Amino acid sequence: MIRNFLKGSFGDWNNPLLAAIGFKLKKRFNQLVLQIAIWLQIVLDMIRAPFARDELKFLKQSF
């Protein structure tokens, strides 16, 4: 753990508490980033799906 610059028993009590809060915040932030990436992929797949079908029709007509 990085050195705590809070003084006395107040600092000794707050250091593990603040470290735990920082750990949980980082964990939640990473989960949020993953959820945004998943939703973005779903939206992009929904946007691309009609165009992919049109390309297949074009390929079938050309042969």
C-alpha atoms as a PDB file:
ATOM      1  CA  MET A   1       0.000   0.000   0.000  1.00  0.00           C
ATOM      2  CA  ILE A   2       1.177   3.531  -0.722  1.00  0.00           C
ATOM      3  CA  ARG A   3       2.155   5.640   2.288  1.00  0.00           C
ATOM      4  CA  ASN A   4      -0.690   7.354   4.072  1.00  0.00           C
ATOM      5  CA  PHE A   5      -0.095  11.040   4.835  1.00  0.00           C
ATOM      6  CA  LEU A   6      -3.025  11.434   7.232  1.00  0.00           C
ATOM      7  CA  LYS A   7      -1.843  11.930  10.795  1.00  0.00           C
ATOM      8  CA  GLY A   8      -2.397   9.777  13.854  1.00  0.00           C
ATOM      9  CA  SER A   9      -5.133   7.275  14.571  1.00  0.00           C
ATOM     10  CA  PHE A  10      -7.444   9.076  12.117  1.00  0.00           C
ATOM     11  CA  GLY A  11      -5.026   8.283   9.293  1.00  0.00           C
ATOM     12  CA  ASP A  12      -4.506   4.719  10.475  1.00  0.00           C
ATOM     13  CA  TRP A  13      -8.271   4.167  10.472  1.00  0.00           C
ATOM     14  CA  ASN A  14      -8.932   5.842   7.119  1.00  0.00           C
ATOM     15  CA  ASN A  15      -6.117   4.293   5.089  1.00  0.00           C
ATOM     16  CA  PRO A  16      -7.606   0.780   4.620  1.00  0.00           C
ATOM     17  CA  LEU A  17     -11.076   2.265   4.210  1.00  0.00           C
ATOM     18  CA  LEU A  18      -9.971   4.582   1.401  1.00  0.00           C
ATOM     19  CA  ALA A  19      -7.976   1.792  -0.239  1.00  0.00           C
ATOM     20  CA  ALA A  20     -11.046  -0.469  -0.245  1.00  0.00           C
ATOM     21  CA  ILE A  21     -13.218   2.304  -1.690  1.00  0.00           C
ATOM     22  CA  GLY A  22     -10.680   2.926  -4.451  1.00  0.00           C
ATOM     23  CA  PHE A  23     -10.524  -0.799  -5.255  1.00  0.00           C
ATOM     24  CA  LYS A  24     -14.322  -1.071  -5.480  1.00  0.00           C
ATOM     25  CA  LEU A  25     -14.581   2.061  -7.629  1.00  0.00           C
ATOM     26  CA  LYS A  26     -12.011   0.712 -10.074  1.00  0.00           C
ATOM     27  CA  LYS A  27     -13.852  -2.607 -10.239  1.00  0.00           C
ATOM     28  CA  ARG A  28     -17.204  -0.878 -10.911  1.00  0.00           C
ATOM     29  CA  PHE A  29     -15.643   1.379 -13.532  1.00  0.00           C
ATOM     30  CA  ASN A  30     -14.239  -1.641 -15.389  1.00  0.00           C
ATOM     31  CA  GLN A  31     -17.673  -3.299 -15.284  1.00  0.00           C
ATOM     32  CA  LEU A  32     -19.250  -0.135 -16.677  1.00  0.00           C
ATOM     33  CA  VAL A  33     -16.726  -0.003 -19.529  1.00  0.00           C
ATOM     34  CA  LEU A  34     -17.473  -3.640 -20.364  1.00  0.00           C
ATOM     35  CA  GLN A  35     -21.235  -3.022 -20.366  1.00  0.00           C
ATOM     36  CA  ILE A  36     -20.836  -0.017 -22.669  1.00  0.00           C
ATOM     37  CA  ALA A  37     -18.712  -2.092 -25.050  1.00  0.00           C
ATOM     38  CA  ILE A  38     -21.320  -4.873 -25.121  1.00  0.00           C
ATOM     39  CA  TRP A  39     -24.203  -2.469 -25.780  1.00  0.00           C
ATOM     40  CA  LEU A  40     -22.211  -0.671 -28.461  1.00  0.00           C
ATOM     41  CA  GLN A  41     -21.526  -3.984 -30.193  1.00  0.00           C
ATOM     42  CA  ILE A  42     -25.234  -4.886 -30.071  1.00  0.00           C
ATOM     43  CA  VAL A  43     -26.244  -1.523 -31.541  1.00  0.00           C
ATOM     44  CA  LEU A  44     -23.633  -1.730 -34.289  1.00  0.00           C
ATOM     45  CA  ASP A  45     -24.757  -5.254 -35.182  1.00  0.00           C
ATOM     46  CA  MET A  46     -28.351  -4.025 -35.423  1.00  0.00           C
ATOM     47  CA  ILE A  47     -27.301  -1.178 -37.715  1.00  0.00           C
ATOM     48  CA  ARG A  48     -25.151  -3.402 -39.942  1.00  0.00           C
ATOM     49  CA  ALA A  49     -27.637  -6.290 -40.239  1.00  0.00           C
ATOM     50  CA  PRO A  50     -29.918  -4.742 -42.941  1.00  0.00           C
ATOM     51  CA  PHE A  51     -26.922  -3.751 -45.054  1.00  0.00           C
ATOM     52  CA  ALA A  52     -25.464  -7.245 -44.830  1.00  0.00           C
ATOM     53  CA  ARG A  53     -28.715  -8.704 -46.209  1.00  0.00           C
ATOM     54  CA  ASP A  54     -28.664  -6.219 -49.099  1.00  0.00           C
ATOM     55  CA  GLU A  55     -25.131  -7.267 -49.989  1.00  0.00           C
ATOM     56  CA  LEU A  56     -26.224 -10.910 -50.099  1.00  0.00           C
ATOM     57  CA  LYS A  57     -29.069 -10.044 -52.483  1.00  0.00           C
ATOM     58  CA  PHE A  58     -26.642  -8.220 -54.735  1.00  0.00           C
ATOM     59  CA  LEU A  59     -24.285 -11.207 -54.800  1.00  0.00           C
ATOM     60  CA  LYS A  60     -27.099 -13.633 -55.634  1.00  0.00           C
ATOM     61  CA  GLN A  61     -28.318 -11.460 -58.531  1.00  0.00           C
ATOM     62  CA  SER A  62     -24.883 -11.086 -60.083  1.00  0.00           C
ATOM     63  CA  PHE A  63     -24.433 -14.829 -60.652  1.00  0.00           C
END
